[in-house]
Amino acid sequence: MNRIFHARIAWYQYFALALFTVNAVAALWCKYILPAVFMVLLLIVLIEQIIHTVYTVTSDGTLIIHQGRFSRKKVIPISKIGFIEQCHSMKFGRFSVTRYVLIKYDERKYEALMPVKEQEFMQLIEKRMLSEKLDSKR
């Protein structure tokens, strides 16, 4: 059975939304049409990415990362995942700026994911990694 995890919205995505919105409104206010159209297009792409980013763990042993209609899907075989761990970008005491799940696959490829339910996501990936290793030994 496929399991779908939605992405969490990070603070910098909110900041980018606010920044592009203010710039688009200011450009429209001052009647600068080309910069306004450009900012609105950036807003559309960003909103599309925020709303439609999902991580799908399939029953056949793959992790599919889909980041909206304007980007390609990344397909990562779970058998090629080296490790998965929860990371923090910067900490101030006990508080961190951004939490994410880091996945290393192939030899030198990394992917930083931000699922809503991080622990469930990590447990499912680790469970599938373990079952893939057991199946390969048979």
Protein backbone atom coordinates (compact mmCIF):
# COMPACT_ATOMS: atom_id res chain seq x y z
CA MET A 1 0.00 0.00 0.00
CA ASN A 2 1.31 3.45 -0.91
CA ARG A 3 1.73 5.95 1.89
CA ILE A 4 1.60 9.68 1.16
CA PHE A 5 3.20 12.30 3.39
CA HIS A 6 2.52 15.99 2.83
CA ALA A 7 5.26 18.58 3.20
CA ARG A 8 5.46 21.04 6.04
CA ILE A 9 5.62 24.74 5.18
CA ALA A 10 8.87 26.27 6.40
CA TRP A 11 9.36 29.78 7.74
CA TYR A 12 11.37 30.86 4.70
CA GLN A 13 8.50 29.86 2.40
CA TYR A 14 6.16 32.16 4.32
CA PHE A 15 8.81 34.88 4.07
CA ALA A 16 9.15 34.39 0.29
CA LEU A 17 5.37 34.52 -0.12
CA ALA A 18 5.19 37.79 1.78
CA LEU A 19 8.15 39.27 -0.08
CA PHE A 20 6.83 38.39 -3.56
CA THR A 21 3.34 39.59 -2.65
CA VAL A 22 4.59 42.97 -1.39
CA ASN A 23 6.76 43.39 -4.48
CA ALA A 24 3.90 42.47 -6.83
CA VAL A 25 1.50 44.90 -5.14
CA ALA A 26 4.11 47.66 -5.13
CA ALA A 27 4.87 47.11 -8.82
CA LEU A 28 1.17 47.21 -9.66
CA TRP A 29 0.70 50.32 -7.51
CA CYS A 30 3.48 52.13 -9.36
CA LYS A 31 2.22 50.78 -12.72
CA TYR A 32 5.31 48.71 -13.53
CA ILE A 33 3.58 45.92 -15.43
CA LEU A 34 6.51 43.67 -16.38
CA PRO A 35 7.96 43.40 -12.84
CA ALA A 36 4.43 42.89 -11.50
CA VAL A 37 3.77 40.05 -13.95
CA PHE A 38 7.12 38.50 -13.08
CA MET A 39 6.38 38.64 -9.34
CA VAL A 40 2.90 37.18 -9.84
CA LEU A 41 4.38 34.31 -11.87
CA LEU A 42 6.89 33.67 -9.10
CA LEU A 43 4.04 33.67 -6.60
CA ILE A 44 2.11 31.13 -8.67
CA VAL A 45 5.11 28.80 -8.90
CA LEU A 46 5.86 29.12 -5.17
CA ILE A 47 2.25 28.53 -4.12
CA GLU A 48 2.05 25.53 -6.43
CA GLN A 49 5.20 24.09 -4.91
CA ILE A 50 4.03 24.69 -1.34
CA ILE A 51 0.58 23.20 -1.84
CA HIS A 52 1.46 20.17 -3.96
CA THR A 53 4.71 18.88 -2.45
CA VAL A 54 4.17 15.27 -1.36
CA TYR A 55 6.43 12.35 -0.51
CA THR A 56 5.06 8.95 -1.53
CA VAL A 57 6.48 5.69 -0.20
CA THR A 58 5.25 2.97 -2.54
CA SER A 59 4.69 -0.68 -1.80
CA ASP A 60 7.19 -1.71 -4.48
CA GLY A 61 10.08 -0.06 -2.63
CA THR A 62 10.48 3.44 -3.99
CA LEU A 63 10.29 6.94 -2.56
CA ILE A 64 8.70 9.45 -4.93
CA ILE A 65 9.26 13.14 -4.25
CA HIS A 66 6.76 15.30 -6.13
CA GLN A 67 7.18 19.08 -5.77
CA GLY A 68 4.27 20.42 -7.77
CA ARG A 69 3.34 20.54 -11.42
CA PHE A 70 6.28 22.67 -12.52
CA SER A 71 9.04 20.29 -11.43
CA ARG A 72 9.98 16.71 -12.17
CA LYS A 73 9.32 13.85 -9.81
CA LYS A 74 12.35 12.36 -8.11
CA VAL A 75 12.19 8.60 -7.77
CA ILE A 76 14.57 7.07 -5.23
CA PRO A 77 14.70 3.29 -4.77
CA ILE A 78 14.61 2.53 -1.05
CA SER A 79 17.28 -0.13 -1.58
CA LYS A 80 19.72 2.65 -2.57
CA ILE A 81 19.11 4.76 0.54
CA GLY A 82 22.23 4.72 2.71
CA PHE A 83 20.85 6.40 5.80
CA ILE A 84 18.05 8.62 7.00
CA GLU A 85 18.28 11.01 9.93
CA GLN A 86 16.53 14.00 11.44
CA CYS A 87 18.64 17.17 11.26
CA HIS A 88 18.48 20.79 12.40
CA SER A 89 19.78 23.69 10.36
CA MET A 90 20.81 25.99 13.21
CA LYS A 91 20.14 25.86 16.93
CA PHE A 92 19.71 28.53 19.56
CA GLY A 93 19.77 26.59 22.80
CA ARG A 94 17.01 24.01 22.52
CA PHE A 95 15.28 25.74 19.61
CA SER A 96 16.16 25.10 16.01
CA VAL A 97 15.51 27.32 13.01
CA THR A 98 14.52 24.51 10.63
CA ARG A 99 14.05 20.78 11.14
CA TYR A 100 14.31 18.40 8.21
CA VAL A 101 14.87 14.76 7.34
CA LEU A 102 18.13 14.10 5.50
CA ILE A 103 18.31 11.13 3.16
CA LYS A 104 21.56 9.93 1.62
CA TYR A 105 21.21 7.74 -1.44
CA ASP A 106 23.50 6.36 -4.13
CA GLU A 107 27.04 7.46 -3.29
CA ARG A 108 27.04 11.23 -2.92
CA LYS A 109 23.43 12.32 -3.36
CA TYR A 110 21.42 13.90 -0.57
CA GLU A 111 17.81 14.99 -0.26
CA ALA A 112 16.39 17.20 2.48
CA LEU A 113 12.69 16.55 3.10
CA MET A 114 10.24 18.22 5.43
CA PRO A 115 7.26 15.90 5.97
CA VAL A 116 4.51 16.89 8.41
CA LYS A 117 4.82 13.64 10.37
CA GLU A 118 8.58 13.24 10.51
CA GLN A 119 8.76 10.32 12.93
CA GLU A 120 6.20 8.24 11.04
CA PHE A 121 7.99 8.99 7.77
CA MET A 122 11.38 7.98 9.15
CA GLN A 123 10.00 4.82 10.78
CA LEU A 124 8.31 3.75 7.54
CA ILE A 125 11.45 4.35 5.45
CA GLU A 126 13.60 2.47 7.97
CA LYS A 127 11.11 -0.39 8.06
CA ARG A 128 11.10 -0.60 4.25
CA MET A 129 14.93 -0.39 4.19
CA LEU A 130 15.11 -3.30 6.62
CA SER A 131 12.65 -5.39 4.63
CA GLU A 132 14.58 -4.61 1.40
CA LYS A 133 17.82 -5.81 3.03
CA LEU A 134 16.15 -8.98 4.28
CA ASP A 135 14.66 -9.67 0.85
CA SER A 136 18.01 -9.17 -0.86
CA LYS A 137 19.69 -11.68 1.48
CA ARG A 138 17.23 -14.42 0.58
